């Protein structure tokens, strides 16, 4: 598990116990180029207001790309809005195809998203935990 994965998991665990967590590899292991960043997770018992808190944290940050917390499925996914728009949701294979296309063809976007995600994780590590 990468250092960023550990930090992200620790940040999210502050708001509840995780049942599942995933942060895709940030750099292509074969070609060495940055890949678009996003992370997915599921809380065992999501606490009231946590989703809104995460959405507020992301919205208040000065990010380079727009981000969305998608909760339309069982797992929550925080990802650049561009992926959702181009893939028209999280349904496979469109989602995987869009991510691959961005990885290969838009390194500037991938680097910006990677920087943003680091900023988001840092803020989630610092934001006060809601009562309750």
Protein backbone atom coordinates (compact mmCIF):
# COMPACT_ATOMS: atom_id res chain seq x y z
CA UNK A 1 0.00 0.00 0.00
CA UNK A 2 1.42 3.39 -1.02
CA UNK A 3 2.01 6.20 1.47
CA UNK A 4 -0.86 8.13 -0.15
CA UNK A 5 -3.17 5.11 0.29
CA UNK A 6 -2.26 4.88 3.97
CA UNK A 7 -2.89 8.61 4.48
CA UNK A 8 -6.20 8.48 2.59
CA UNK A 9 -7.41 5.47 4.54
CA UNK A 10 -6.41 7.11 7.85
CA UNK A 11 -8.21 10.32 6.87
CA UNK A 12 -11.45 8.50 5.96
CA UNK A 13 -11.30 6.28 9.06
CA UNK A 14 -11.57 9.41 11.19
CA UNK A 15 -15.26 9.57 10.16
CA UNK A 16 -16.17 5.91 10.60
CA UNK A 17 -14.98 2.33 10.28
CA UNK A 18 -14.21 1.34 6.70
CA UNK A 19 -15.59 -1.88 5.27
CA UNK A 20 -13.74 -1.39 1.99
CA UNK A 21 -11.18 1.04 0.53
CA UNK A 22 -9.43 1.43 -2.84
CA UNK A 23 -7.01 3.97 -4.28
CA UNK A 24 -5.80 3.05 -7.79
CA UNK A 25 -2.09 3.08 -8.58
CA UNK A 26 -0.94 6.66 -9.12
CA UNK A 27 1.79 5.89 -11.66
CA UNK A 28 1.52 3.38 -14.49
CA UNK A 29 3.78 0.50 -13.41
CA UNK A 30 4.90 -0.27 -16.98
CA UNK A 31 5.21 3.14 -18.64
CA UNK A 32 5.78 5.36 -15.58
CA UNK A 33 3.28 8.10 -16.43
CA UNK A 34 0.89 9.56 -13.83
CA UNK A 35 -2.62 8.15 -13.84
CA UNK A 36 -5.84 9.96 -12.96
CA UNK A 37 -6.51 9.88 -9.22
CA UNK A 38 -9.71 8.85 -7.51
CA UNK A 39 -10.61 6.80 -4.46
CA UNK A 40 -13.47 4.59 -3.42
CA UNK A 41 -14.62 3.36 -0.04
CA UNK A 42 -17.54 2.09 1.98
CA UNK A 43 -18.23 2.72 5.64
CA UNK A 44 -19.56 -0.18 7.70
CA UNK A 45 -22.15 2.19 9.17
CA UNK A 46 -22.07 5.63 7.52
CA UNK A 47 -22.52 8.36 10.10
CA UNK A 48 -25.09 11.06 9.53
CA UNK A 49 -23.58 14.13 7.89
CA UNK A 50 -20.24 12.56 6.89
CA UNK A 51 -21.00 12.65 3.16
CA UNK A 52 -21.98 16.33 3.39
CA UNK A 53 -18.84 17.09 5.40
CA UNK A 54 -16.62 15.44 2.74
CA UNK A 55 -18.47 17.24 -0.07
CA UNK A 56 -18.05 20.57 1.77
CA UNK A 57 -14.33 19.98 2.34
CA UNK A 58 -13.78 19.24 -1.35
CA UNK A 59 -15.91 22.17 -2.54
CA UNK A 60 -14.10 24.66 -0.26
CA UNK A 61 -10.62 23.70 -1.48
CA UNK A 62 -8.91 25.49 -4.35
CA UNK A 63 -8.48 22.44 -6.59
CA UNK A 64 -7.22 22.44 -10.17
CA UNK A 65 -10.02 20.15 -11.39
CA UNK A 66 -13.63 19.80 -10.27
CA UNK A 67 -14.37 16.84 -7.96
CA UNK A 68 -17.54 14.85 -7.22
CA UNK A 69 -18.42 12.49 -4.37
CA UNK A 70 -20.57 9.89 -6.09
CA UNK A 71 -22.84 7.97 -3.70
CA UNK A 72 -25.19 6.49 -6.30
CA UNK A 73 -23.92 2.97 -5.64
CA UNK A 74 -22.94 0.88 -2.63
CA UNK A 75 -19.42 2.33 -2.49
CA UNK A 76 -18.67 6.03 -2.34
CA UNK A 77 -16.26 7.29 -5.00
CA UNK A 78 -14.46 10.63 -4.90
CA UNK A 79 -13.31 11.41 -8.41
CA UNK A 80 -12.74 14.21 -10.89
CA UNK A 81 -16.14 15.24 -12.26
CA UNK A 82 -14.77 14.95 -15.80
CA UNK A 83 -14.66 11.16 -15.48
CA UNK A 84 -18.33 10.98 -14.48
CA UNK A 85 -19.34 13.30 -17.30
CA UNK A 86 -17.34 11.50 -20.00
CA UNK A 87 -18.25 8.01 -18.75
CA UNK A 88 -21.88 9.03 -18.11
CA UNK A 89 -21.68 7.48 -14.64
CA UNK A 90 -19.71 4.70 -12.98
CA UNK A 91 -21.01 1.85 -15.14
CA UNK A 92 -18.42 -0.49 -16.67
CA UNK A 93 -16.94 -0.64 -19.24
CA UNK A 94 -17.40 3.08 -19.98
CA UNK A 95 -15.84 4.13 -16.67
CA UNK A 96 -12.72 2.00 -17.13
CA UNK A 97 -12.41 3.08 -20.77
CA UNK A 98 -12.64 6.78 -19.90
CA UNK A 99 -10.08 6.43 -17.09
CA UNK A 100 -7.72 4.60 -19.44
CA UNK A 101 -8.15 7.21 -22.17
CA UNK A 102 -7.42 10.08 -19.77
CA UNK A 103 -4.41 8.18 -18.36
CA UNK A 104 -2.92 7.77 -21.82
CA UNK A 105 -3.88 11.06 -23.46
CA UNK A 106 -4.03 13.77 -20.78
CA UNK A 107 -1.02 13.70 -18.48
CA UNK A 108 -1.54 17.32 -17.43
CA UNK A 109 -5.01 16.45 -16.11
CA UNK A 110 -3.66 13.35 -14.33
CA UNK A 111 -0.94 15.38 -12.62
CA UNK A 112 -3.44 18.05 -11.56
CA UNK A 113 -5.82 15.43 -10.14
CA UNK A 114 -2.97 13.77 -8.26
CA UNK A 115 -1.98 17.10 -6.68
CA UNK A 116 -5.63 17.81 -5.85
CA UNK A 117 -6.15 14.45 -4.20
CA UNK A 118 -3.13 15.02 -1.97
CA UNK A 119 -4.64 18.37 -0.93
CA UNK A 120 -8.05 16.76 -0.28
CA UNK A 121 -6.50 14.01 1.86
CA UNK A 122 -4.51 16.57 3.89
CA UNK A 123 -7.67 18.58 4.53
CA UNK A 124 -9.66 15.48 5.52
CA UNK A 125 -6.90 14.64 8.00
CA UNK A 126 -7.22 18.10 9.59
CA UNK A 127 -10.96 18.88 9.50
CA UNK A 128 -12.73 18.64 12.90
CA UNK A 129 -14.64 15.40 13.40
CA UNK A 130 -18.38 16.04 13.82
CA UNK A 131 -20.01 15.18 17.13
CA UNK A 132 -22.32 12.20 17.34
